[in-house]
C-alpha atoms as a PDB file:
ATOM      1  CA  SER A   1      31.920  26.324   1.007  1.00  0.00           C
ATOM      2  CA  ALA A   2      33.101  29.438   1.406  1.00  0.00           C
ATOM      3  CA  SER A   3      36.375  28.794  -0.973  1.00  0.00           C
ATOM      4  CA  LYS A   4      36.455  30.005  -4.765  1.00  0.00           C
ATOM      5  CA  ILE A   5      38.347  28.293  -7.411  1.00  0.00           C
ATOM      6  CA  THR A   6      39.409  29.992 -10.158  1.00  0.00           C
ATOM      7  CA  PHE A   7      40.356  28.342 -13.506  1.00  0.00           C
ATOM      8  CA  GLU A   8      42.563  30.583 -16.192  1.00  0.00           C
ATOM      9  CA  ALA A   9      43.687  29.749 -19.373  1.00  0.00           C
ATOM     10  CA  PRO A  10      44.705  31.860 -22.225  1.00  0.00           C
ATOM     11  CA  ASP A  11      42.841  29.956 -24.618  1.00  0.00           C
ATOM     12  CA  GLY A  12      39.790  29.179 -22.338  1.00  0.00           C
ATOM     13  CA  VAL A  13      39.089  26.515 -19.646  1.00  0.00           C
ATOM     14  CA  LEU A  14      37.196  23.071 -20.902  1.00  0.00           C
ATOM     15  CA  PHE A  15      35.295  20.774 -18.520  1.00  0.00           C
ATOM     16  CA  SER A  16      34.858  17.302 -20.632  1.00  0.00           C
ATOM     17  CA  SER A  17      33.034  15.216 -18.331  1.00  0.00           C
ATOM     18  CA  LEU A  18      29.390  13.827 -18.022  1.00  0.00           C
ATOM     19  CA  LEU A  19      28.278  15.792 -14.672  1.00  0.00           C
ATOM     20  CA  THR A  20      25.870  13.533 -12.823  1.00  0.00           C
ATOM     21  CA  THR A  21      24.801  13.265  -9.455  1.00  0.00           C
ATOM     22  CA  SER A  22      23.925  10.281  -7.249  1.00  0.00           C
ATOM     23  CA  GLU A  23      22.818   9.534  -3.446  1.00  0.00           C
ATOM     24  CA  ILE A  24      23.540   6.879  -1.188  1.00  0.00           C
ATOM     25  CA  LEU A  25      19.989   4.996  -1.086  1.00  0.00           C
ATOM     26  CA  SER A  26      19.486   3.790   2.499  1.00  0.00           C
ATOM     27  CA  PHE A  27      16.966   1.127   2.956  1.00  0.00           C
ATOM     28  CA  ILE A  28      14.235   0.924   6.046  1.00  0.00           C
ATOM     29  CA  THR A  29      12.027  -2.075   6.767  1.00  0.00           C
ATOM     30  CA  GLY A  30       8.643  -1.963   8.764  1.00  0.00           C
ATOM     31  CA  ALA A  31       8.910   1.192   9.615  1.00  0.00           C
ATOM     32  CA  THR A  32       6.794   2.296  12.934  1.00  0.00           C
ATOM     33  CA  GLY A  33       6.509   5.104  15.387  1.00  0.00           C
ATOM     34  CA  THR A  34       9.364   7.568  15.373  1.00  0.00           C
ATOM     35  CA  VAL A  35      12.089   6.491  12.992  1.00  0.00           C
ATOM     36  CA  THR A  36      15.712   7.813  12.651  1.00  0.00           C
ATOM     37  CA  HIS A  37      16.851   8.886   9.389  1.00  0.00           C
ATOM     38  CA  ASP A  38      20.620   9.385   9.444  1.00  0.00           C
ATOM     39  CA  LEU A  39      21.266  12.548   6.870  1.00  0.00           C
ATOM     40  CA  GLU A  40      25.152  11.516   7.249  1.00  0.00           C
ATOM     41  CA  LEU A  41      24.299   8.390   5.411  1.00  0.00           C
ATOM     42  CA  GLY A  42      22.532  10.332   2.731  1.00  0.00           C
ATOM     43  CA  SER A  43      19.407  12.199   1.911  1.00  0.00           C
ATOM     44  CA  VAL A  44      17.128   9.457   0.095  1.00  0.00           C
ATOM     45  CA  PHE A  45      15.525   6.777   2.046  1.00  0.00           C
ATOM     46  CA  LEU A  46      13.663   3.737   1.158  1.00  0.00           C
ATOM     47  CA  HIS A  47      10.956   2.376   3.408  1.00  0.00           C
ATOM     48  CA  GLN A  48       9.849  -1.014   2.125  1.00  0.00           C
ATOM     49  CA  THR A  49       6.731  -2.447   3.563  1.00  0.00           C
ATOM     50  CA  PRO A  50       6.174   0.028   6.565  1.00  0.00           C
ATOM     51  CA  ALA A  51       4.195  -1.429   9.337  1.00  0.00           C
ATOM     52  CA  ALA A  52       2.371   1.675  10.378  1.00  0.00           C
ATOM     53  CA  ASP A  53       2.245   5.955   9.611  1.00  0.00           C
ATOM     54  CA  PHE A  54       5.628   6.969  11.171  1.00  0.00           C
ATOM     55  CA  THR A  55       7.404  10.094  12.428  1.00  0.00           C
ATOM     56  CA  ALA A  56      10.773  10.851  10.280  1.00  0.00           C
ATOM     57  CA  ASN A  57      13.176  11.758  12.478  1.00  0.00           C
ATOM     58  CA  LEU A  58      16.147  13.725  10.720  1.00  0.00           C
ATOM     59  CA  ILE A  59      19.048  13.327  12.662  1.00  0.00           C
ATOM     60  CA  ASN A  60      22.537  15.134  11.681  1.00  0.00           C
ATOM     61  CA  THR A  61      20.771  18.000   9.981  1.00  0.00           C
ATOM     62  CA  ARG A  62      23.094  20.697   9.667  1.00  0.00           C
ATOM     63  CA  THR A  63      21.759  23.722  11.492  1.00  0.00           C
ATOM     64  CA  THR A  64      23.827  26.361   9.380  1.00  0.00           C
ATOM     65  CA  GLU A  65      21.795  29.690   8.842  1.00  0.00           C
ATOM     66  CA  ASN A  66      20.557  30.529   5.285  1.00  0.00           C
ATOM     67  CA  ARG A  67      20.766  27.045   4.089  1.00  0.00           C
ATOM     68  CA  ILE A  68      18.072  24.321   2.284  1.00  0.00           C
ATOM     69  CA  THR A  69      18.432  20.595   2.811  1.00  0.00           C
ATOM     70  CA  SER A  70      16.533  18.263   0.665  1.00  0.00           C
ATOM     71  CA  VAL A  71      15.194  14.861   1.585  1.00  0.00           C
ATOM     72  CA  ALA A  72      13.516  12.266  -0.230  1.00  0.00           C
ATOM     73  CA  ILE A  73      11.577   9.290   1.401  1.00  0.00           C
ATOM     74  CA  VAL A  74      10.242   6.347  -0.913  1.00  0.00           C
ATOM     75  CA  VAL A  75       7.625   4.574   0.263  1.00  0.00           C
ATOM     76  CA  SER A  76       6.717   1.063  -0.982  1.00  0.00           C
ATOM     77  CA  ASN A  77       3.421   0.226   0.057  1.00  0.00           C
ATOM     78  CA  GLY A  78       1.484  -2.831   0.619  1.00  0.00           C
ATOM     79  CA  ALA A  79      -2.370  -3.223   0.258  1.00  0.00           C
ATOM     80  CA  THR A  80      -2.692  -0.556   3.295  1.00  0.00           C
ATOM     81  CA  PRO A  81      -0.893   2.386   2.365  1.00  0.00           C
ATOM     82  CA  TYR A  82       1.693   4.213   5.216  1.00  0.00           C
ATOM     83  CA  LEU A  83       3.647   7.459   4.798  1.00  0.00           C
ATOM     84  CA  PRO A  84       5.673   9.917   7.071  1.00  0.00           C
ATOM     85  CA  THR A  85       3.164  11.835   8.588  1.00  0.00           C
ATOM     86  CA  ALA A  86       5.164  13.989  10.774  1.00  0.00           C
ATOM     87  CA  VAL A  87       8.997  15.288  11.051  1.00  0.00           C
ATOM     88  CA  GLN A  88      11.833  15.873  13.465  1.00  0.00           C
ATOM     89  CA  ILE A  89      14.744  17.769  12.858  1.00  0.00           C
ATOM     90  CA  ASN A  90      17.755  16.313  15.334  1.00  0.00           C
ATOM     91  CA  GLY A  91      14.583  15.198  17.797  1.00  0.00           C
ATOM     92  CA  PHE A  92      12.501  18.240  17.640  1.00  0.00           C
ATOM     93  CA  SER A  93       9.023  18.244  16.278  1.00  0.00           C
ATOM     94  CA  GLN A  94       8.593  20.442  13.275  1.00  0.00           C
ATOM     95  CA  THR A  95       5.131  21.590  11.848  1.00  0.00           C
ATOM     96  CA  ILE A  96       5.220  20.222   7.749  1.00  0.00           C
ATOM     97  CA  VAL A  97       3.441  22.811   5.457  1.00  0.00           C
ATOM     98  CA  TRP A  98       2.100  20.836   3.102  1.00  0.00           C
ATOM     99  CA  GLN A  99       1.678  21.336  -0.804  1.00  0.00           C
ATOM    100  CA  GLY A 100      -1.908  22.143  -1.582  1.00  0.00           C
ATOM    101  CA  GLY A 101      -2.490  22.816   2.183  1.00  0.00           C
ATOM    102  CA  ALA A 102      -3.446  18.973   3.074  1.00  0.00           C
ATOM    103  CA  PRO A 103      -1.161  15.970   3.561  1.00  0.00           C
ATOM    104  CA  PRO A 104      -1.169  12.829   1.279  1.00  0.00           C
ATOM    105  CA  VAL A 105      -2.777   9.757   1.454  1.00  0.00           C
ATOM    106  CA  GLY A 106      -0.625   6.746   0.289  1.00  0.00           C
ATOM    107  CA  THR A 107      -1.038   4.281  -2.396  1.00  0.00           C
ATOM    108  CA  ALA A 108      -2.186   1.267  -1.956  1.00  0.00           C
ATOM    109  CA  ASN A 109       0.181  -1.664  -3.543  1.00  0.00           C
ATOM    110  CA  GLY A 110       2.346   1.378  -5.002  1.00  0.00           C
ATOM    111  CA  THR A 111       5.074   3.719  -4.080  1.00  0.00           C
ATOM    112  CA  ASP A 112       4.854   6.953  -2.780  1.00  0.00           C
ATOM    113  CA  VAL A 113       7.941   9.722  -2.929  1.00  0.00           C
ATOM    114  CA  ILE A 114       7.644  12.213  -0.208  1.00  0.00           C
ATOM    115  CA  SER A 115       9.885  15.342  -0.470  1.00  0.00           C
ATOM    116  CA  PHE A 116      10.844  17.268   2.354  1.00  0.00           C
ATOM    117  CA  THR A 117      12.563  20.672   2.090  1.00  0.00           C
ATOM    118  CA  LEU A 118      14.217  22.232   5.277  1.00  0.00           C
ATOM    119  CA  ILE A 119      15.009  25.751   5.096  1.00  0.00           C
ATOM    120  CA  ARG A 120      16.785  26.931   8.158  1.00  0.00           C
ATOM    121  CA  PHE A 121      16.303  30.705   8.379  1.00  0.00           C
ATOM    122  CA  ASN A 122      16.550  33.011  11.526  1.00  0.00           C
ATOM    123  CA  SER A 123      17.383  30.432  13.650  1.00  0.00           C
ATOM    124  CA  ASN A 124      14.097  28.721  12.847  1.00  0.00           C
ATOM    125  CA  TRP A 125      12.849  25.791  10.307  1.00  0.00           C
ATOM    126  CA  THR A 126      10.262  25.672   7.806  1.00  0.00           C
ATOM    127  CA  VAL A 127       9.748  22.352   6.448  1.00  0.00           C
ATOM    128  CA  LEU A 128       7.818  21.926   3.125  1.00  0.00           C
ATOM    129  CA  GLY A 129       6.506  18.745   2.175  1.00  0.00           C
ATOM    130  CA  SER A 130       5.161  17.468  -0.956  1.00  0.00           C
ATOM    131  CA  ALA A 131       4.167  13.734  -2.448  1.00  0.00           C
ATOM    132  CA  THR A 132       4.200  11.954  -5.939  1.00  0.00           C
ATOM    133  CA  SER A 133       2.391   8.684  -6.017  1.00  0.00           C
ATOM    134  CA  TYR A 134       3.238   5.999  -8.395  1.00  0.00           C
ATOM    135  CA  SER A 135       1.153   2.857  -8.930  1.00  0.00           C
END
C-alpha cells in the first residue's frame, strides 16, 4: 500500500497481540496437464495424489512492477512421485530458474513442497523455484 499509518502518544505506543500470519489452503486432487492455481483464493496449494507431472498456471497474479509474489505447492505423492515441472503466469509460459541449477525429482510415498518466487521487474518475470522433500 502507498498509505502510511502513524501512531503517536506521549508515553509510547504498545501493540500487545500475537503477530501471526496464516494462508488459505486450496486443495487440488488428481492433477495432470495444466492446472489452474487461483491466487485470489490464496497462495498455498495442496495437491493430493497427482496423476502426472503438471504445469502450474498461476492465475490472477498481480503484475504490479517491483513486486515479489510467493507461491507454495505442496504435493502429497504416492508410489510414483509427480511435481509441477512448468509454470505459467496468467496463462503465459515462464522459465523456472531452479535452486541448484536442476529441476527437483519427487519423493515416492512422501511430500514435496515446491516454492516459487515470482519477481516482477521491468515488465518481465523471473521465476525462482526450490523444493524440499519430506518422507
